[in-house]
C-alpha cells in the first residue's frame, strides 16, 4: 500500500515539475492585443533612405552551421620532423642562454 502511494505521489510531483518548465502565461499577448485595439501601439517607423538603398530586397545569407570535424593527427614522419625542429630550437636557446652574464 505504501509503495503504491509513494509511486502516485512521486508521479504527481514529477509531473508538476515538468509542467512548471513551460512557465505560466504572463498575459503579454493579451496586453499587447489590448494596446493594439486601443491604438496605443505605434507601427514601427519606416526605414531611412540610406538603409533601404543599402540593403537588397531579399537577403541571401548562409546560415551558421558547424564545420565537419577534421583529424588533427599528424603522420609519424611529420611528428618526428617537428620534434627534431623543437630539439634544435631547445639547443639553440640553451646555447644563447649560456652566453648571458648574470649580474652579481
Protein backbone atom coordinates (compact mmCIF):
# COMPACT_ATOMS: atom_id res chain seq x y z
CA UNK A 1 0.00 0.00 0.00
CA UNK A 2 2.80 2.41 0.90
CA UNK A 3 4.67 1.62 -2.31
CA UNK A 4 1.58 2.41 -4.39
CA UNK A 5 1.04 5.69 -2.50
CA UNK A 6 4.71 6.60 -2.95
CA UNK A 7 4.51 5.86 -6.70
CA UNK A 8 1.42 8.03 -7.12
CA UNK A 9 2.86 10.92 -5.11
CA UNK A 10 6.20 10.84 -6.94
CA UNK A 11 4.41 10.81 -10.30
CA UNK A 12 2.30 13.81 -9.33
CA UNK A 13 5.33 15.71 -8.03
CA UNK A 14 7.42 14.99 -11.13
CA UNK A 15 4.55 15.83 -13.47
CA UNK A 16 4.12 19.16 -11.70
CA UNK A 17 7.81 19.94 -12.05
CA UNK A 18 7.77 19.04 -15.74
CA UNK A 19 4.78 21.29 -16.33
CA UNK A 20 6.43 24.16 -14.48
CA UNK A 21 9.19 24.29 -17.06
CA UNK A 22 6.72 25.55 -19.62
CA UNK A 23 6.15 28.59 -17.43
CA UNK A 24 2.87 30.24 -16.61
CA UNK A 25 1.35 32.56 -19.18
CA UNK A 26 2.20 36.15 -18.31
CA UNK A 27 -0.59 37.76 -20.26
CA UNK A 28 1.79 39.56 -22.58
CA UNK A 29 -0.19 38.67 -25.67
CA UNK A 30 -3.44 39.81 -24.08
CA UNK A 31 -1.93 43.12 -23.04
CA UNK A 32 -0.40 43.60 -26.48
CA UNK A 33 -3.74 42.89 -28.12
CA UNK A 34 -5.47 45.35 -25.81
CA UNK A 35 -2.92 48.09 -26.52
CA UNK A 36 -3.22 47.41 -30.26
CA UNK A 37 -7.02 47.60 -30.10
CA UNK A 38 -6.90 50.89 -28.20
CA UNK A 39 -4.38 52.38 -30.62
CA UNK A 40 -1.54 52.71 -28.12
CA UNK A 41 0.85 50.67 -30.22
CA UNK A 42 2.51 52.64 -32.98
CA UNK A 43 3.72 50.91 -36.11
CA UNK A 44 7.49 50.94 -36.47
CA UNK A 45 8.80 53.98 -38.34
CA UNK A 46 9.82 53.46 -41.95
CA UNK A 47 13.47 52.72 -42.54
CA UNK A 48 15.61 55.71 -43.58
CA UNK A 49 16.54 56.04 -47.23
CA UNK A 50 20.17 55.01 -46.77
CA UNK A 51 19.07 51.79 -45.07
CA UNK A 52 16.60 50.88 -47.81
CA UNK A 53 19.15 51.69 -50.53
CA UNK A 54 21.97 49.74 -48.92
CA UNK A 55 20.04 46.51 -48.39
CA UNK A 56 18.77 44.23 -51.13
CA UNK A 57 15.11 43.32 -51.33
CA UNK A 58 15.82 39.71 -50.45
CA UNK A 59 18.59 38.88 -48.02
CA UNK A 60 20.56 35.82 -49.05
CA UNK A 61 22.67 34.51 -46.24
CA UNK A 62 24.44 31.35 -45.30
CA UNK A 63 23.20 30.01 -42.00
CA UNK A 64 25.80 29.21 -39.42
CA UNK A 65 26.45 25.52 -39.28
CA UNK A 66 29.11 23.51 -37.53
CA UNK A 67 32.08 22.59 -39.63
CA UNK A 68 32.82 18.92 -40.10
CA UNK A 69 35.47 17.71 -37.73
CA UNK A 70 38.87 17.27 -39.28
CA UNK A 71 41.51 14.97 -37.99
CA UNK A 72 44.31 16.76 -36.17
CA UNK A 73 46.57 13.73 -36.20
CA UNK A 74 49.88 14.08 -37.96
CA UNK A 75 51.74 11.36 -39.77
CA UNK A 76 54.63 9.87 -37.79
CA UNK A 77 57.25 11.32 -40.15
CA UNK A 78 55.85 14.84 -39.75
CA UNK A 79 55.73 14.47 -35.97
CA UNK A 80 59.38 13.37 -35.95
CA UNK A 81 60.33 16.36 -38.13
CA UNK A 82 58.56 18.75 -35.78
CA UNK A 83 60.21 17.05 -32.80
CA UNK A 84 63.64 17.45 -34.39
CA UNK A 85 62.95 21.15 -35.04
CA UNK A 86 61.96 21.62 -31.41
CA UNK A 87 65.11 19.84 -30.24
CA UNK A 88 67.23 22.17 -32.41
CA UNK A 89 65.40 25.21 -31.01
CA UNK A 90 65.99 23.98 -27.44
CA UNK A 91 69.69 23.52 -28.13
CA UNK A 92 69.95 26.97 -29.72
CA UNK A 93 68.17 28.63 -26.79
CA UNK A 94 70.42 26.86 -24.28
CA UNK A 95 73.49 27.96 -26.25
CA UNK A 96 72.26 31.57 -26.22
CA UNK A 97 71.41 31.38 -22.52
CA UNK A 98 74.93 30.14 -21.70
CA UNK A 99 76.39 33.39 -23.13
CA UNK A 100 74.28 35.65 -20.94
CA UNK A 101 76.17 37.00 -17.94
CA UNK A 102 74.17 37.32 -14.77
CA UNK A 103 74.86 40.32 -12.52
CA UNK A 104 76.34 39.68 -9.07
